Every structure is written in C-alpha cells, then in structure tokens.
C-alpha cells in the first residue's frame, strides 16, 4: 500500500513539473495578427537563365489555425527574348477578349480550420470569377496566386507535422496532376521551428518520391486517371523538390515572424549521372512591409465582394471517380458540406459516372466483339481464298505435267 501511494505521489510530481508546463507552453494563445507584404516569383530555364518574374502584393490575417489571405497582381516582366515576342504579340492582337484590367486581378484564399477556400477575380469582369473549395488546411499551390509560400511563412504552424521527417501534402504546384492532392499523396517533409511559441518554420524541405506521374482524362465521364512509372536514375529514390528558408525575422508581441523569406521549387537535372542533382525552376522571395494586430474574424472564408462565381467544391472528390460538385453562389455565401442539396448532387454525379462507365464498358465489349468477328471472318476468307488458289494451282500444274508426259 505504501508503494502504491508513493507511485501516485511521483506521478503527481511528474505531471505538475513536466507535463503541465509543456502543455501550457504548447497551448499558448498567440494574438491574431495581419501581415502586408510583397512577393516576387522568378522562373528559370536550366536553373540560371531568367525567363520572367511576377510580383504580387499580399495581405494575410492569422488567428491560430484559421487564416485568410489575398494577393493582387503588381507586375510581370519578361526577360527571355522569345517569350517577350509572344507577350508583345499577344498584347497587340488583344488575346484578352473580356477586356479586364490585368492590374486588377485578385486572388483570395482562406481556411476555417477544416477546409480551404479560394477565389479568383479577373479584374472588373466579375462574371469571370471562379472559386474552389478543397478539403484540409494545407492550401493547394495553384502556381499563380503565390498564396502557398505566404501561408508557409505566416500561417503554417498548426498544419506542420508534429515530427520533422513526417509526411505532408506537397507544397509545389501539381498543375494537371491535381487529383493526386485528393489521394494519399503525402511526401516526406523535414523542418525546423522558428520559435517554440509560433512553430512557424525556419527551414522546410520536401522530397519528391522519385516517381513520374502522368494524367489521362476520360472524355466520356470527365474523370482523370493517374499513371506512374519510376523516375530515371539517379532520381529513383527521390530528390529535393521544394525548400523554404527564413532570411530575416522580426519580433512582434513576443513572437518571431518572418521579415524576409525565400522558397524554391526544383526540377531534376537530367544531365546528372551519379547524384540526384536538382536545379531551380521557380524562386519566390517575400518581404513583410507591415504587421499589426487585428480582431479575430468570425469568418475566414474569402469575401466574394458581390461576385457570383462558379464554385468547384472538391471536398467530395475521390481519385478513382473524381466527381466535382459545381454550383453558383447566388448570395455571396460559400457552400456548406453538410448541405443536403450538395450531398444529393454528389450522389447523383457518382451514380451518373458509374452508369456511364458501365455503358462505356458494354460499348467497348461490343466494339471488341465486332473487331474479333471481322478479324476471324477475314482470316477464314483469306484461308479459303488461299486454299482455292492452291487447289487451282495444283490442278494446273498436274495438267501441265500430264501434257509433258504425253508429248
């Protein structure tokens, strides 16, 4: 009995001396803050030749796991002569039939702690606005808004894996391979923390698994199939694909926040022979201009500002069926995943996709049967013709031989 009491006493001492202080530190509430800044993306050929650079001014508000950000087009400089000619020709020929001002292109994205919401407004032509809802707290890198590196710098602390070396959604642009995002495509992620309070990264590196992916789209049911093959050596075991680095930090209300940061997207150097050497494809450079405290917003979904965008809700999306529920916001509100109408649309679309697949399968069987029949008929016909020809040829030869014998 004395031993049992002593063990309980030791457990209580351990809890109050170790566990409780660590939990208090880990659960420290950080006051909501808002950052204004500028981010520039530079794209390269062969890692050294600068093709073009684009700039966005940005604002991001953060309150624990919730955040909302916006980026606005600033400028686009083309450095490559060939691309410059294309850009000038496009400008002269007026490839922008909607006539919106490219200096007024907005990208907005936010997270309510469960899903991410993205809105694109093409200048004053608000009818061209489009929106996406995606599951999870990690923003999808669309390669145009530059929201992802901004999010890593200022809002990623609650989404990073507990242990460095764990797995996380890819932070580089997937482009036409977006369907991988909705599968179990998590990649190795290593990172070091900027401070014990904010858990924002000081450095973060992600590794490509060393598999080459390709997307093929079924035009009948509008679904995407992802195929994969091993990368060529020496990249079969993976390579560094994305890297974020803090350049300089500043102190705000007792927490460290990035003042300047850099993020790079890499591609394999196919000339490498022994080591998986990589070269830079895109480099993002961000800088804080202003930081201030804000009241915690009640809604971290982007404001639609009077637009009625087509909304692509991908929270129900599956890799094998790839259904996307489309809707149009009539009242400036984002769709709720628990909305029975939204769920009914998803179920209807799943049923339609399955029906179309079965119909296409039957069609393929019918076509295959016809092809086999034609091949068989052709083979039989050719065999019959060859038999007749051979028989006639033998008869003619026998007649000739008989004539020779009689003569």
Protein backbone atom coordinates (compact mmCIF):
# COMPACT_ATOMS: atom_id res chain seq x y z
CA UNK A 1 0.00 0.00 0.00
CA UNK A 2 2.84 2.37 0.87
CA UNK A 3 4.42 1.62 -2.50
CA UNK A 4 1.18 2.45 -4.32
CA UNK A 5 0.86 5.81 -2.52
CA UNK A 6 4.50 6.59 -3.31
CA UNK A 7 3.96 5.87 -7.04
CA UNK A 8 0.92 8.15 -7.14
CA UNK A 9 2.93 10.90 -5.47
CA UNK A 10 5.68 10.57 -8.08
CA UNK A 11 3.13 10.69 -10.91
CA UNK A 12 1.63 13.90 -9.50
CA UNK A 13 5.08 15.48 -9.21
CA UNK A 14 5.87 14.49 -12.82
CA UNK A 15 2.56 15.93 -14.08
CA UNK A 16 2.94 19.31 -12.35
CA UNK A 17 6.67 19.62 -13.00
CA UNK A 18 6.87 18.41 -16.61
CA UNK A 19 3.62 17.77 -18.42
CA UNK A 20 1.57 20.74 -17.26
CA UNK A 21 4.20 23.43 -18.07
CA UNK A 22 4.84 21.89 -21.50
CA UNK A 23 1.11 21.84 -22.27
CA UNK A 24 0.79 25.46 -21.17
CA UNK A 25 3.65 26.45 -23.46
CA UNK A 26 2.28 24.41 -26.39
CA UNK A 27 -1.19 25.83 -26.00
CA UNK A 28 -0.05 29.46 -25.66
CA UNK A 29 -2.59 31.62 -27.43
CA UNK A 30 -0.96 33.93 -29.96
CA UNK A 31 -2.78 37.20 -30.58
CA UNK A 32 -4.23 37.45 -34.10
CA UNK A 33 -2.04 39.43 -36.48
CA UNK A 34 -2.16 40.74 -40.03
CA UNK A 35 0.76 41.00 -42.43
CA UNK A 36 1.13 43.15 -45.53
CA UNK A 37 3.95 42.48 -47.91
CA UNK A 38 5.27 41.82 -51.39
CA UNK A 39 6.23 38.53 -53.02
CA UNK A 40 8.12 38.06 -56.30
CA UNK A 41 8.34 34.81 -58.30
CA UNK A 42 11.18 34.31 -60.74
CA UNK A 43 11.14 31.44 -63.24
CA UNK A 44 14.32 30.00 -64.73
CA UNK A 45 15.41 27.79 -67.59
CA UNK A 46 18.20 25.36 -66.72
CA UNK A 47 18.39 26.91 -63.28
CA UNK A 48 20.25 30.03 -64.43
CA UNK A 49 18.53 31.72 -67.38
CA UNK A 50 15.83 34.05 -66.03
CA UNK A 51 12.68 33.71 -68.14
CA UNK A 52 10.29 36.08 -66.38
CA UNK A 53 9.30 37.44 -62.99
CA UNK A 54 5.94 38.28 -61.47
CA UNK A 55 5.09 40.27 -58.36
CA UNK A 56 2.09 40.25 -56.04
CA UNK A 57 1.24 42.50 -53.12
CA UNK A 58 -0.34 40.43 -50.35
CA UNK A 59 -2.22 40.58 -47.06
CA UNK A 60 -2.70 37.68 -44.67
CA UNK A 61 -4.57 37.61 -41.35
CA UNK A 62 -3.87 34.75 -38.95
CA UNK A 63 -5.70 33.56 -35.84
CA UNK A 64 -4.38 30.20 -34.62
CA UNK A 65 -5.34 27.56 -37.24
CA UNK A 66 -7.56 29.97 -39.19
CA UNK A 67 -6.27 32.41 -41.78
CA UNK A 68 -7.38 34.46 -44.77
CA UNK A 69 -5.06 35.88 -47.43
CA UNK A 70 -5.25 37.87 -50.64
CA UNK A 71 -2.71 38.65 -53.32
CA UNK A 72 -3.00 41.20 -56.09
CA UNK A 73 -1.21 41.43 -59.41
CA UNK A 74 1.62 44.01 -59.32
CA UNK A 75 3.73 43.49 -62.44
CA UNK A 76 5.03 40.90 -64.90
CA UNK A 77 8.44 41.32 -66.54
CA UNK A 78 9.52 39.03 -69.38
CA UNK A 79 13.29 38.61 -69.65
CA UNK A 80 13.54 35.86 -72.25
CA UNK A 81 13.54 37.38 -75.79
CA UNK A 82 11.35 34.63 -77.27
CA UNK A 83 8.77 34.93 -74.53
CA UNK A 84 8.91 38.72 -74.83
CA UNK A 85 7.95 38.50 -78.53
CA UNK A 86 5.00 36.25 -77.67
CA UNK A 87 3.89 38.60 -74.90
CA UNK A 88 4.09 41.67 -77.18
CA UNK A 89 2.23 39.87 -79.99
CA UNK A 90 -0.48 38.77 -77.58
CA UNK A 91 -0.86 42.30 -76.30
CA UNK A 92 -1.11 43.72 -79.83
CA UNK A 93 -3.54 41.04 -81.03
CA UNK A 94 -5.73 41.53 -77.99
CA UNK A 95 -5.91 37.97 -76.63
CA UNK A 96 -7.91 39.32 -73.69
CA UNK A 97 -11.42 39.33 -75.21
CA UNK A 98 -13.06 40.16 -71.86
CA UNK A 99 -11.12 43.44 -71.65
CA UNK A 100 -10.49 43.37 -67.90
CA UNK A 101 -7.55 45.22 -66.40
CA UNK A 102 -4.73 42.78 -65.63
CA UNK A 103 -3.56 45.21 -62.96
CA UNK A 104 -6.73 44.40 -61.05
CA UNK A 105 -6.52 40.61 -60.77
CA UNK A 106 -7.24 39.36 -57.26
CA UNK A 107 -6.57 36.01 -55.64
CA UNK A 108 -8.16 35.31 -52.27
CA UNK A 109 -7.82 32.23 -50.11
CA UNK A 110 -8.74 31.28 -46.56
CA UNK A 111 -9.08 28.40 -44.11
CA UNK A 112 -11.65 27.89 -41.36
CA UNK A 113 -9.53 25.24 -39.65
CA UNK A 114 -11.08 22.41 -41.68
CA UNK A 115 -11.29 23.31 -45.39
CA UNK A 116 -9.60 25.85 -47.67
CA UNK A 117 -11.48 28.30 -49.89
CA UNK A 118 -10.03 30.04 -52.95
CA UNK A 119 -11.49 32.83 -55.07
CA UNK A 120 -10.08 34.36 -58.26
CA UNK A 121 -11.48 37.64 -59.58
CA UNK A 122 -10.32 38.71 -63.03
CA UNK A 123 -10.26 42.46 -62.75
CA UNK A 124 -13.57 44.25 -63.13
CA UNK A 125 -15.03 41.41 -65.17
CA UNK A 126 -16.64 39.82 -62.11
CA UNK A 127 -18.66 37.33 -64.14
CA UNK A 128 -15.33 35.56 -64.81
CA UNK A 129 -14.75 34.91 -61.12
CA UNK A 130 -14.19 31.29 -60.12
CA UNK A 131 -13.94 29.66 -56.72
CA UNK A 132 -12.75 26.35 -55.28
CA UNK A 133 -13.35 24.54 -52.01
CA UNK A 134 -10.78 21.89 -51.09
CA UNK A 135 -10.54 19.60 -48.06
CA UNK A 136 -7.82 20.11 -45.49
CA UNK A 137 -5.87 23.01 -44.04
CA UNK A 138 -2.92 22.98 -46.46
CA UNK A 139 -3.55 25.29 -49.43
CA UNK A 140 -3.24 23.85 -52.92
CA UNK A 141 -0.43 25.54 -54.86
CA UNK A 142 -2.11 26.93 -57.99
CA UNK A 143 1.15 28.46 -59.30
CA UNK A 144 -0.45 31.88 -59.92
CA UNK A 145 -1.63 33.36 -56.62
CA UNK A 146 1.62 32.67 -54.66
CA UNK A 147 -0.56 32.05 -51.57
CA UNK A 148 1.28 28.82 -50.63
CA UNK A 149 4.72 30.34 -49.81
CA UNK A 150 2.92 33.19 -47.97
CA UNK A 151 0.98 30.60 -45.96
CA UNK A 152 4.15 28.68 -45.11
CA UNK A 153 5.80 31.85 -43.82
CA UNK A 154 2.95 33.17 -41.66
CA UNK A 155 0.14 30.63 -41.13
CA UNK A 156 1.50 27.07 -41.31
CA UNK A 157 2.30 26.50 -37.62
CA UNK A 158 -0.85 24.45 -36.89
CA UNK A 159 -0.60 22.35 -40.05
CA UNK A 160 3.02 21.23 -39.97
CA UNK A 161 3.66 17.62 -38.92
CA UNK A 162 4.48 17.06 -35.26
CA UNK A 163 7.80 15.42 -36.09
CA UNK A 164 10.22 16.62 -38.71
CA UNK A 165 10.51 13.87 -41.29
CA UNK A 166 6.78 13.20 -41.24
CA UNK A 167 4.61 13.48 -44.30
CA UNK A 168 2.61 16.43 -45.62
CA UNK A 169 0.68 17.42 -48.72
CA UNK A 170 3.04 18.63 -51.47
CA UNK A 171 3.64 22.37 -51.42
CA UNK A 172 4.84 22.64 -55.00
CA UNK A 173 2.45 23.18 -57.95
CA UNK A 174 0.85 19.92 -59.16
CA UNK A 175 -0.81 21.60 -62.17
CA UNK A 176 -2.60 18.91 -64.24
CA UNK A 177 -1.85 16.33 -61.52
CA UNK A 178 -4.22 17.99 -59.05
CA UNK A 179 -6.08 14.71 -58.50
CA UNK A 180 -3.04 13.44 -56.57
CA UNK A 181 -3.94 16.03 -53.93
CA UNK A 182 -7.09 14.10 -53.02
CA UNK A 183 -5.35 10.75 -52.70
CA UNK A 184 -2.81 9.64 -50.11
CA UNK A 185 -0.04 11.52 -51.92
CA UNK A 186 1.79 12.86 -48.85
CA UNK A 187 5.52 13.42 -49.17
CA UNK A 188 8.46 13.40 -46.79
CA UNK A 189 8.80 16.78 -45.07
CA UNK A 190 11.61 17.95 -42.81
CA UNK A 191 11.53 21.26 -40.99
CA UNK A 192 12.99 23.25 -38.13
CA UNK A 193 10.93 25.61 -36.00
CA UNK A 194 11.45 29.36 -35.90
CA UNK A 195 10.43 29.55 -32.22
CA UNK A 196 8.78 27.40 -29.57
CA UNK A 197 5.76 29.69 -29.43
CA UNK A 198 4.69 30.12 -33.05
CA UNK A 199 6.10 26.88 -34.55
CA UNK A 200 6.45 28.65 -37.89
CA UNK A 201 9.25 27.06 -39.93
CA UNK A 202 12.76 28.39 -40.07
CA UNK A 203 13.52 25.91 -42.83
CA UNK A 204 11.27 23.41 -44.56
CA UNK A 205 12.25 20.86 -47.21
CA UNK A 206 10.01 18.47 -49.14
CA UNK A 207 11.17 15.50 -51.18
CA UNK A 208 9.70 14.11 -54.38
CA UNK A 209 9.19 10.33 -54.11
CA UNK A 210 11.06 9.65 -57.35
CA UNK A 211 8.02 8.56 -59.36
CA UNK A 212 6.93 10.18 -62.61
CA UNK A 213 3.21 10.81 -62.77
CA UNK A 214 1.05 11.37 -65.83
CA UNK A 215 -2.63 12.26 -66.05
CA UNK A 216 -5.02 10.99 -68.73
CA UNK A 217 -8.59 12.22 -68.89
CA UNK A 218 -11.60 10.11 -69.90
CA UNK A 219 -13.71 12.35 -72.17
CA UNK A 220 -16.84 10.24 -71.65
CA UNK A 221 -17.16 10.65 -67.88
CA UNK A 222 -14.70 13.54 -67.45
CA UNK A 223 -12.57 11.66 -64.93
CA UNK A 224 -8.80 11.57 -64.60
CA UNK A 225 -6.59 8.53 -64.29
CA UNK A 226 -3.12 8.90 -62.81
CA UNK A 227 -0.43 6.56 -64.11
CA UNK A 228 3.03 6.32 -62.62
CA UNK A 229 6.43 4.96 -63.53
CA UNK A 230 9.78 5.08 -61.78
CA UNK A 231 11.93 8.08 -62.50
CA UNK A 232 15.16 7.54 -64.38
CA UNK A 233 18.36 7.11 -62.40
CA UNK A 234 19.68 8.67 -60.21
CA UNK A 235 16.25 10.02 -59.18
CA UNK A 236 14.53 6.69 -58.49
CA UNK A 237 14.87 7.12 -54.71
CA UNK A 238 13.58 10.69 -54.71
CA UNK A 239 15.05 14.16 -54.74
CA UNK A 240 14.60 17.58 -53.16
CA UNK A 241 11.57 19.23 -54.73
CA UNK A 242 10.71 22.21 -52.52
CA UNK A 243 12.62 24.28 -49.98
CA UNK A 244 11.62 27.20 -47.77
CA UNK A 245 14.15 29.30 -45.84
CA UNK A 246 13.80 32.18 -43.43
CA UNK A 247 16.14 35.01 -44.35
CA UNK A 248 15.38 37.51 -41.59
CA UNK A 249 12.89 37.62 -38.70
CA UNK A 250 11.30 40.34 -36.60
CA UNK A 251 9.75 40.31 -33.13
CA UNK A 252 6.07 41.14 -32.79
CA UNK A 253 4.39 40.94 -29.37
CA UNK A 254 6.95 38.43 -28.19
CA UNK A 255 6.80 36.10 -31.19
CA UNK A 256 9.14 35.86 -34.16
CA UNK A 257 7.67 36.45 -37.62
CA UNK A 258 9.45 36.31 -40.99
CA UNK A 259 10.61 39.70 -42.24
CA UNK A 260 12.06 38.20 -45.40
CA UNK A 261 11.84 34.64 -46.74
CA UNK A 262 12.59 32.58 -49.82
CA UNK A 263 11.04 29.43 -51.29
CA UNK A 264 12.31 27.39 -54.24
CA UNK A 265 10.77 24.75 -56.48
CA UNK A 266 13.25 22.33 -58.05
CA UNK A 267 13.27 20.02 -61.06
CA UNK A 268 15.69 17.15 -61.80
CA UNK A 269 18.85 17.92 -63.71
CA UNK A 270 18.59 15.18 -66.31
CA UNK A 271 22.27 15.54 -67.09
CA UNK A 272 23.16 14.25 -63.62
CA UNK A 273 24.83 10.86 -63.67
CA UNK A 274 25.56 9.73 -60.11
CA UNK A 275 23.83 12.06 -57.63
CA UNK A 276 20.21 13.30 -57.81
CA UNK A 277 21.21 16.86 -58.69
CA UNK A 278 18.38 19.41 -58.95
CA UNK A 279 18.07 22.87 -60.50
CA UNK A 280 15.78 25.75 -59.60
CA UNK A 281 12.63 26.19 -61.65
CA UNK A 282 10.92 28.92 -59.59
CA UNK A 283 12.16 31.06 -56.72
CA UNK A 284 9.74 33.03 -54.52
CA UNK A 285 11.11 35.94 -52.49
CA UNK A 286 8.79 37.52 -49.92
CA UNK A 287 9.14 40.54 -47.67
CA UNK A 288 6.98 41.92 -44.87
CA UNK A 289 6.06 45.57 -45.20
CA UNK A 290 3.72 45.95 -42.22
CA UNK A 291 2.47 43.91 -39.26
CA UNK A 292 -0.42 44.85 -36.98
CA UNK A 293 -2.80 43.27 -34.52
CA UNK A 294 -6.34 42.51 -35.64
CA UNK A 295 -9.55 41.40 -34.05
CA UNK A 296 -10.26 37.71 -34.58
CA UNK A 297 -12.52 37.46 -37.61
CA UNK A 298 -15.67 35.40 -37.30
CA UNK A 299 -15.34 34.02 -40.82
CA UNK A 300 -12.04 33.19 -42.51
CA UNK A 301 -13.61 32.36 -45.84
CA UNK A 302 -12.71 34.89 -48.56
CA UNK A 303 -15.23 37.68 -49.11
CA UNK A 304 -16.82 37.39 -52.55
CA UNK A 305 -17.38 41.15 -52.79
CA UNK A 306 -20.54 40.97 -54.85
CA UNK A 307 -19.31 38.34 -57.29
CA UNK A 308 -21.33 35.29 -58.27
CA UNK A 309 -18.55 32.83 -59.08
CA UNK A 310 -18.85 29.28 -60.30
CA UNK A 311 -17.80 27.22 -57.28
CA UNK A 312 -15.99 23.92 -57.74
CA UNK A 313 -16.49 22.01 -54.49
CA UNK A 314 -13.84 19.30 -54.27
CA UNK A 315 -14.45 18.16 -50.69
CA UNK A 316 -16.19 15.05 -52.02
CA UNK A 317 -13.54 14.42 -54.66
CA UNK A 318 -12.11 10.91 -54.98
CA UNK A 319 -9.18 9.87 -57.12
CA UNK A 320 -10.92 6.94 -58.80
CA UNK A 321 -14.15 8.77 -59.61
CA UNK A 322 -13.08 12.44 -59.43
CA UNK A 323 -16.55 13.98 -59.04
CA UNK A 324 -16.63 17.73 -58.54
CA UNK A 325 -19.84 19.38 -57.41
CA UNK A 326 -20.36 22.63 -59.31
CA UNK A 327 -22.63 25.42 -58.15
CA UNK A 328 -23.01 29.17 -58.47
CA UNK A 329 -23.17 31.40 -55.45
CA UNK A 330 -26.34 33.45 -55.64
CA UNK A 331 -25.98 35.24 -52.31
CA UNK A 332 -22.22 35.60 -51.87
CA UNK A 333 -22.11 32.61 -49.50
CA UNK A 334 -19.82 29.61 -49.63
CA UNK A 335 -21.44 26.14 -49.81
CA UNK A 336 -21.74 24.04 -46.67
CA UNK A 337 -20.53 20.45 -46.99
CA UNK A 338 -23.45 19.35 -44.78
CA UNK A 339 -25.97 20.90 -47.15
CA UNK A 340 -28.31 18.03 -48.18
CA UNK A 341 -28.66 19.52 -51.68
CA UNK A 342 -24.90 19.49 -52.13
CA UNK A 343 -24.71 15.89 -50.91
CA UNK A 344 -27.55 14.94 -53.27
CA UNK A 345 -25.66 16.48 -56.21
CA UNK A 346 -22.60 14.45 -55.29
CA UNK A 347 -24.55 11.19 -55.03
CA UNK A 348 -26.27 11.91 -58.35
CA UNK A 349 -22.94 12.59 -60.01
CA UNK A 350 -21.42 9.39 -58.61
CA UNK A 351 -24.37 7.36 -59.91
CA UNK A 352 -24.11 9.02 -63.32
CA UNK A 353 -20.36 8.34 -63.53
CA UNK A 354 -20.89 4.68 -62.63
CA UNK A 355 -23.68 4.38 -65.20
CA UNK A 356 -21.52 5.96 -67.89
CA UNK A 357 -18.63 3.66 -67.04
CA UNK A 358 -20.81 0.59 -67.33
CA UNK A 359 -22.24 1.86 -70.61
CA UNK A 360 -18.74 2.55 -71.95
CA UNK A 361 -17.62 -0.89 -70.80
CA UNK A 362 -20.51 -2.52 -72.69
CA UNK A 363 -19.71 -0.38 -75.72
CA UNK A 364 -16.07 -1.42 -75.58
CA UNK A 365 -17.13 -5.09 -75.34
CA UNK A 366 -19.41 -4.68 -78.36
CA UNK A 367 -16.71 -2.97 -80.38
CA UNK A 368 -14.18 -5.62 -79.34
CA UNK A 369 -16.59 -8.39 -80.36
CA UNK A 370 -17.13 -6.81 -83.79
CA UNK A 371 -13.40 -6.38 -84.29
CA UNK A 372 -12.77 -10.01 -83.32
CA UNK A 373 -15.55 -11.16 -85.68
CA UNK A 374 -14.10 -9.14 -88.56
CA UNK A 375 -10.62 -10.50 -87.88
CA UNK A 376 -11.98 -14.04 -87.76
CA UNK A 377 -14.01 -13.55 -90.94
CA UNK A 378 -11.00 -12.04 -92.68
CA UNK A 379 -8.81 -14.93 -91.56
CA UNK A 380 -11.34 -17.52 -92.72
CA UNK A 381 -11.84 -15.70 -96.01
CA UNK A 382 -8.13 -15.42 -96.59
CA UNK A 383 -7.66 -19.08 -95.71
CA UNK A 384 -10.48 -20.10 -98.08
CA UNK A 385 -9.03 -17.95 -100.86
CA UNK A 386 -5.56 -19.39 -100.26
CA UNK A 387 -6.99 -22.92 -100.32
CA UNK A 388 -8.84 -22.28 -103.61
CA UNK A 389 -5.79 -20.66 -105.15
CA UNK A 390 -3.56 -23.51 -104.02
CA UNK A 391 -6.03 -26.10 -105.37
CA UNK A 392 -6.30 -24.37 -108.74
CA UNK A 393 -2.54 -24.00 -108.91
CA UNK A 394 -2.04 -27.72 -108.19
CA UNK A 395 -4.62 -28.67 -110.82
CA UNK A 396 -2.89 -26.51 -113.42
CA UNK A 397 0.47 -27.99 -112.54
CA UNK A 398 -0.89 -31.55 -112.82
CA UNK A 399 -2.36 -30.77 -116.26
CA UNK A 400 0.96 -29.36 -117.43
CA UNK A 401 2.80 -32.45 -116.20
CA UNK A 402 0.34 -34.75 -117.96
CA UNK A 403 0.81 -32.83 -121.19
CA UNK A 404 4.58 -33.16 -120.87
CA UNK A 405 4.29 -36.90 -120.28
CA UNK A 406 2.00 -37.44 -123.29
CA UNK A 407 4.28 -35.45 -125.50
